[in-house]
Amino acid sequence: MRRLSSQPLALLAAFSVSIQAHDPGHHGSNAPAHQHGVGQLHLVIEQDQLHLELQVPADDLLGFEHAPSTAEQHAALAAVQETLQQPERLFRLPAPARCELEASELHSSLFAPADPAIEHGRHGEHADISARYQFRCAAMSRLQQLEILVFDLFPDSQRLVLQAITPKGQTGAELTAKRNLVDL
């Protein structure tokens, strides 16, 4: 699988910064605040490409957000990584759009081998997990809706804040287990 292009999601990040700059309730850095139960979903449609980036607190997926220290925690981390490497379990794309995964990347400090000297000073830090996916859709005009399945797999993930750039414009929404459809 080839490496992801960062350009479309960089465009979305710029859009996000622009929105936050005009939000009088937003304070602090450009990064969203780490809040358990709340993640981010960034979506960009560009020509025949669909780019998705899911960012969630590790605690929402694992039940912990420190380096795994028990066999059960190592197994849970491996299971989450395996699940995230199967985006069809996280997102339901309409079959008529004929979207094929071209590239994916997973990122988290938890995925790196543990270094006890470093880990000792990290207790109390928050860890996030980021998953990026790039699809090529043969019939992009048929991609009219995206169903978010994350909530079924990870019930501690209660909300996803959606930011999207599509040919129809820029949009945002709050997604939950009961409101898990994104109209494109």
Protein backbone atom coordinates (compact mmCIF):
# COMPACT_ATOMS: atom_id res chain seq x y z
CA MET A 1 0.00 0.00 0.00
CA ARG A 2 1.41 3.40 -0.91
CA ARG A 3 2.03 6.34 1.41
CA LEU A 4 -0.72 8.89 2.04
CA SER A 5 -0.67 12.34 0.55
CA SER A 6 -0.84 14.91 3.33
CA GLN A 7 -1.98 17.81 1.11
CA PRO A 8 -5.80 17.34 1.36
CA LEU A 9 -5.74 16.89 5.12
CA ALA A 10 -3.39 19.87 5.45
CA LEU A 11 -6.04 21.89 3.64
CA LEU A 12 -8.59 20.66 6.16
CA ALA A 13 -6.27 21.57 9.05
CA ALA A 14 -6.03 25.10 7.65
CA PHE A 15 -9.83 25.21 7.44
CA SER A 16 -10.03 24.05 11.06
CA VAL A 17 -7.60 26.74 12.21
CA SER A 18 -9.62 29.34 10.30
CA ILE A 19 -12.84 28.24 12.01
CA GLN A 20 -11.19 28.25 15.44
CA ALA A 21 -9.75 31.71 14.87
CA HIS A 22 -13.29 33.03 14.40
CA ASP A 23 -14.74 31.07 17.34
CA PRO A 24 -14.88 33.34 20.39
CA GLY A 25 -15.22 30.30 22.64
CA HIS A 26 -11.99 28.73 21.39
CA HIS A 27 -8.93 29.32 23.55
CA GLY A 28 -5.44 27.93 23.27
CA SER A 29 -3.64 25.97 20.60
CA ASN A 30 -4.90 24.97 17.17
CA ALA A 31 -5.16 21.35 18.24
CA PRO A 32 -8.51 20.21 19.63
CA ALA A 33 -8.52 19.71 23.39
CA HIS A 34 -8.09 16.14 24.57
CA GLN A 35 -11.47 15.14 25.95
CA HIS A 36 -12.42 11.56 26.70
CA GLY A 37 -15.43 10.43 24.69
CA VAL A 38 -14.87 13.06 22.00
CA GLY A 39 -12.85 12.55 18.84
CA GLN A 40 -12.34 14.28 15.52
CA LEU A 41 -13.21 13.09 12.02
CA HIS A 42 -11.72 15.02 9.12
CA LEU A 43 -13.02 14.31 5.63
CA VAL A 44 -11.83 15.71 2.31
CA ILE A 45 -13.17 14.84 -1.14
CA GLU A 46 -10.89 15.88 -3.96
CA GLN A 47 -11.59 14.67 -7.50
CA ASP A 48 -11.76 10.86 -7.19
CA GLN A 49 -10.10 10.78 -3.75
CA LEU A 50 -11.74 10.44 -0.35
CA HIS A 51 -9.44 11.26 2.58
CA LEU A 52 -10.49 10.43 6.13
CA GLU A 53 -8.63 11.08 9.36
CA LEU A 54 -9.93 9.80 12.68
CA GLN A 55 -8.37 11.19 15.86
CA VAL A 56 -9.54 9.86 19.21
CA PRO A 57 -8.29 9.67 22.78
CA ALA A 58 -6.64 6.28 23.28
CA ASP A 59 -8.78 5.77 26.38
CA ASP A 60 -11.91 5.70 24.17
CA LEU A 61 -10.57 2.77 22.17
CA LEU A 62 -8.50 0.93 24.77
CA GLY A 63 -9.75 1.86 28.21
CA PHE A 64 -6.28 3.23 29.02
CA GLU A 65 -3.89 5.77 27.52
CA HIS A 66 -0.50 4.78 28.87
CA ALA A 67 2.00 2.32 27.44
CA PRO A 68 0.59 -1.18 27.89
CA SER A 69 2.07 -2.93 30.91
CA THR A 70 0.07 -6.17 31.15
CA ALA A 71 -0.53 -8.98 28.68
CA GLU A 72 -4.20 -7.93 28.50
CA GLN A 73 -3.27 -4.34 27.65
CA HIS A 74 -0.81 -5.50 24.98
CA ALA A 75 -3.55 -7.70 23.49
CA ALA A 76 -6.05 -4.81 23.58
CA LEU A 77 -3.58 -2.51 21.81
CA ALA A 78 -2.89 -5.14 19.12
CA ALA A 79 -6.64 -5.66 18.63
CA VAL A 80 -7.25 -1.92 18.22
CA GLN A 81 -4.42 -1.65 15.70
CA GLU A 82 -5.86 -4.58 13.74
CA THR A 83 -9.33 -3.01 13.76
CA LEU A 84 -8.02 0.39 12.64
CA GLN A 85 -6.21 -1.29 9.75
CA GLN A 86 -9.63 -2.36 8.45
CA PRO A 87 -11.43 0.90 7.67
CA GLU A 88 -14.43 -0.99 6.30
CA ARG A 89 -15.17 -1.85 9.95
CA LEU A 90 -15.15 1.87 10.87
CA PHE A 91 -16.87 3.43 7.86
CA ARG A 92 -19.51 2.11 5.48
CA LEU A 93 -19.08 3.53 2.00
CA PRO A 94 -21.87 2.95 -0.54
CA ALA A 95 -20.97 0.06 -2.83
CA PRO A 96 -22.05 1.92 -6.01
CA ALA A 97 -19.27 4.50 -5.40
CA ARG A 98 -16.72 1.68 -5.89
CA CYS A 99 -14.20 3.10 -3.38
CA GLU A 100 -10.98 1.19 -2.87
CA LEU A 101 -8.49 1.81 -0.08
CA GLU A 102 -5.22 3.09 -1.51
CA ALA A 103 -3.26 3.97 1.62
CA SER A 104 -3.56 4.10 5.38
CA GLU A 105 -1.47 5.18 8.36
CA LEU A 106 -1.84 4.74 12.10
CA HIS A 107 -0.12 7.00 14.61
CA SER A 108 0.11 7.00 18.40
CA SER A 109 2.84 7.20 20.98
CA LEU A 110 1.41 3.89 22.23
CA PHE A 111 2.39 2.11 19.01
CA ALA A 112 6.10 2.76 19.59
CA PRO A 113 8.11 0.22 21.59
CA ALA A 114 8.06 1.16 25.28
CA ASP A 115 11.17 2.75 26.73
CA PRO A 116 10.98 2.45 30.54
CA ALA A 117 13.25 5.48 31.04
CA ILE A 118 10.90 7.66 28.98
CA GLU A 119 7.68 6.02 30.11
CA HIS A 120 8.40 6.66 33.79
CA GLY A 121 7.97 10.40 33.22
CA ARG A 122 4.84 10.04 31.09
CA HIS A 123 2.32 8.88 33.67
CA GLY A 124 -0.62 11.25 33.61
CA GLU A 125 -0.07 12.27 29.97
CA HIS A 126 -2.88 11.83 27.51
CA ALA A 127 -2.39 9.67 24.43
CA ASP A 128 -4.35 9.93 21.21
CA ILE A 129 -4.68 7.56 18.29
CA SER A 130 -4.85 8.83 14.72
CA ALA A 131 -5.85 6.79 11.70
CA ARG A 132 -5.65 8.20 8.17
CA TYR A 133 -7.17 6.61 5.09
CA GLN A 134 -7.09 7.44 1.41
CA PHE A 135 -9.64 5.90 -0.95
CA ARG A 136 -10.00 6.16 -4.72
CA CYS A 137 -13.64 6.07 -5.79
CA ALA A 138 -14.39 5.02 -9.37
CA ALA A 139 -17.88 6.56 -9.20
CA MET A 140 -17.45 9.53 -6.86
CA SER A 141 -20.87 10.93 -7.83
CA ARG A 142 -22.37 7.84 -6.15
CA LEU A 143 -20.64 8.66 -2.86
CA GLN A 144 -23.59 10.47 -1.34
CA GLN A 145 -23.43 9.26 2.23
CA LEU A 146 -20.93 7.83 4.70
CA GLU A 147 -22.02 5.73 7.68
CA ILE A 148 -19.81 5.94 10.77
CA LEU A 149 -19.50 2.57 12.52
CA VAL A 150 -16.90 3.64 15.10
CA PHE A 151 -19.51 3.99 17.84
CA ASP A 152 -20.59 0.35 17.49
CA LEU A 153 -17.02 -0.90 17.86
CA PHE A 154 -15.88 1.54 20.52
CA PRO A 155 -18.80 2.54 22.79
CA ASP A 156 -16.57 4.82 24.90
CA SER A 157 -16.23 7.00 21.81
CA GLN A 158 -19.41 9.02 22.31
CA ARG A 159 -18.98 11.90 19.85
CA LEU A 160 -16.99 12.71 16.76
CA VAL A 161 -16.65 16.30 15.65
CA LEU A 162 -16.77 16.24 11.85
CA GLN A 163 -14.98 18.77 9.69
CA ALA A 164 -15.34 18.23 5.97
CA ILE A 165 -14.37 19.79 2.67
CA THR A 166 -16.30 18.44 -0.30
CA PRO A 167 -17.15 19.77 -3.77
CA LYS A 168 -20.32 21.15 -2.15
CA GLY A 169 -18.29 23.27 0.30
CA GLN A 170 -17.08 23.21 3.88
CA THR A 171 -19.17 21.73 6.66
CA GLY A 172 -19.04 20.56 10.22
CA ALA A 173 -21.25 18.38 12.37
CA GLU A 174 -21.35 16.41 15.57
CA LEU A 175 -21.72 12.67 15.08
CA THR A 176 -22.99 10.20 17.67
CA ALA A 177 -24.17 6.59 17.74
CA LYS A 178 -27.69 7.83 16.90
CA ARG A 179 -26.53 10.42 14.34
CA ASN A 180 -23.89 8.47 12.47
CA LEU A 181 -24.64 9.36 8.84
CA VAL A 182 -22.71 11.99 6.92
CA ASP A 183 -24.46 13.34 3.84
CA LEU A 184 -21.97 14.17 1.12
